[in-house]
Amino acid sequence: MLANVVDFFRNLPPKECAQCGNKIDEQHECYGIYCEKCNVDFEY
């Protein structure tokens, strides 16, 4: 069963920035939704 969990995370599509749509280079299970550029430029 562990192999199925590992395969699940390996087969996730790359995350995309919620603002600009660029690929985010981080782990898929991370909660961040903005790339580094948009995270710096975004006003909360």
N, C-alpha and C. Protein backbone atom coordinates (compact mmCIF):
# COMPACT_ATOMS: atom_id res chain seq x y z
N MET A 1 0.82 -1.20 0.00
CA MET A 1 0.00 0.00 0.00
C MET A 1 0.86 1.26 0.00
N LEU A 2 2.00 1.22 0.63
CA LEU A 2 2.88 2.38 0.66
C LEU A 2 3.31 2.79 -0.74
N ALA A 3 3.53 1.83 -1.60
CA ALA A 3 3.93 2.14 -2.97
C ALA A 3 2.84 2.94 -3.68
N ASN A 4 1.58 2.66 -3.42
CA ASN A 4 0.48 3.40 -4.04
C ASN A 4 0.48 4.86 -3.60
N VAL A 5 0.78 5.12 -2.34
CA VAL A 5 0.84 6.48 -1.84
C VAL A 5 2.00 7.23 -2.50
N VAL A 6 3.13 6.59 -2.60
CA VAL A 6 4.29 7.21 -3.24
C VAL A 6 3.98 7.51 -4.70
N ASP A 7 3.37 6.57 -5.40
CA ASP A 7 3.00 6.80 -6.80
C ASP A 7 2.02 7.96 -6.94
N PHE A 8 1.11 8.07 -6.00
CA PHE A 8 0.14 9.16 -6.03
C PHE A 8 0.85 10.51 -6.04
N PHE A 9 1.78 10.72 -5.11
CA PHE A 9 2.47 12.00 -5.02
C PHE A 9 3.42 12.22 -6.19
N ARG A 10 4.00 11.16 -6.72
CA ARG A 10 4.89 11.31 -7.88
C ARG A 10 4.13 11.70 -9.14
N ASN A 11 2.87 11.30 -9.23
CA ASN A 11 2.09 11.54 -10.44
C ASN A 11 1.24 12.81 -10.38
N LEU A 12 1.35 13.58 -9.34
CA LEU A 12 0.60 14.84 -9.28
C LEU A 12 1.14 15.81 -10.33
N PRO A 13 0.27 16.57 -10.97
CA PRO A 13 0.75 17.55 -11.94
C PRO A 13 1.48 18.69 -11.22
N PRO A 14 2.34 19.41 -11.92
CA PRO A 14 3.05 20.52 -11.28
C PRO A 14 2.06 21.59 -10.83
N LYS A 15 2.36 22.20 -9.69
CA LYS A 15 1.50 23.28 -9.20
C LYS A 15 1.70 24.52 -10.06
N GLU A 16 0.64 25.30 -10.22
CA GLU A 16 0.71 26.54 -10.97
C GLU A 16 0.34 27.70 -10.05
N CYS A 17 0.97 28.82 -10.27
CA CYS A 17 0.71 30.03 -9.51
C CYS A 17 -0.74 30.46 -9.75
N ALA A 18 -1.44 30.83 -8.69
CA ALA A 18 -2.83 31.24 -8.79
C ALA A 18 -2.97 32.60 -9.48
N GLN A 19 -1.91 33.38 -9.52
CA GLN A 19 -2.00 34.71 -10.10
C GLN A 19 -1.51 34.74 -11.56
N CYS A 20 -0.32 34.18 -11.82
CA CYS A 20 0.25 34.30 -13.16
C CYS A 20 0.22 32.99 -13.95
N GLY A 21 0.01 31.85 -13.29
CA GLY A 21 -0.08 30.57 -13.98
C GLY A 21 1.25 29.89 -14.24
N ASN A 22 2.36 30.46 -13.78
CA ASN A 22 3.66 29.83 -13.94
C ASN A 22 3.79 28.63 -13.02
N LYS A 23 4.63 27.69 -13.41
CA LYS A 23 4.88 26.50 -12.60
C LYS A 23 5.59 26.91 -11.32
N ILE A 24 5.15 26.33 -10.19
CA ILE A 24 5.77 26.59 -8.90
C ILE A 24 6.74 25.45 -8.59
N ASP A 25 7.99 25.79 -8.33
CA ASP A 25 9.01 24.78 -8.04
C ASP A 25 9.07 24.51 -6.55
N GLU A 26 8.14 23.71 -6.07
CA GLU A 26 8.12 23.29 -4.67
C GLU A 26 7.34 21.99 -4.58
N GLN A 27 7.23 21.45 -3.41
CA GLN A 27 6.52 20.20 -3.24
C GLN A 27 5.03 20.41 -3.48
N HIS A 28 4.40 19.42 -4.09
CA HIS A 28 2.99 19.53 -4.46
C HIS A 28 2.07 19.62 -3.26
N GLU A 29 2.47 19.04 -2.14
CA GLU A 29 1.59 19.05 -0.98
C GLU A 29 1.71 20.33 -0.16
N CYS A 30 2.56 21.25 -0.59
CA CYS A 30 2.71 22.53 0.09
C CYS A 30 1.44 23.36 -0.11
N TYR A 31 1.14 24.23 0.85
CA TYR A 31 -0.09 25.02 0.79
C TYR A 31 0.06 26.32 0.02
N GLY A 32 1.29 26.69 -0.35
CA GLY A 32 1.49 27.93 -1.09
C GLY A 32 0.84 27.89 -2.46
N ILE A 33 0.23 29.01 -2.88
CA ILE A 33 -0.45 29.03 -4.18
C ILE A 33 0.15 30.07 -5.12
N TYR A 34 1.18 30.80 -4.67
CA TYR A 34 1.81 31.82 -5.50
C TYR A 34 3.28 31.48 -5.74
N CYS A 35 3.79 31.82 -6.93
CA CYS A 35 5.22 31.64 -7.21
C CYS A 35 6.00 32.70 -6.42
N GLU A 36 7.31 32.59 -6.43
CA GLU A 36 8.13 33.53 -5.66
C GLU A 36 7.94 34.97 -6.11
N LYS A 37 7.83 35.21 -7.40
CA LYS A 37 7.67 36.57 -7.91
C LYS A 37 6.33 37.16 -7.46
N CYS A 38 5.25 36.43 -7.62
CA CYS A 38 3.93 36.94 -7.26
C CYS A 38 3.76 37.03 -5.75
N ASN A 39 4.41 36.14 -5.01
CA ASN A 39 4.31 36.18 -3.56
C ASN A 39 4.92 37.46 -3.01
N VAL A 40 5.99 37.95 -3.66
CA VAL A 40 6.65 39.19 -3.24
C VAL A 40 5.81 40.38 -3.68
N ASP A 41 5.22 40.33 -4.87
CA ASP A 41 4.47 41.44 -5.41
C ASP A 41 3.04 41.52 -4.88
N PHE A 42 2.52 40.43 -4.31
CA PHE A 42 1.12 40.37 -3.89
C PHE A 42 0.92 41.11 -2.57
N GLU A 43 -0.13 41.93 -2.51
CA GLU A 43 -0.47 42.63 -1.27
C GLU A 43 -1.62 41.90 -0.60
N TYR A 44 -1.45 41.51 0.64
CA TYR A 44 -2.48 40.77 1.36
C TYR A 44 -3.53 41.70 1.92
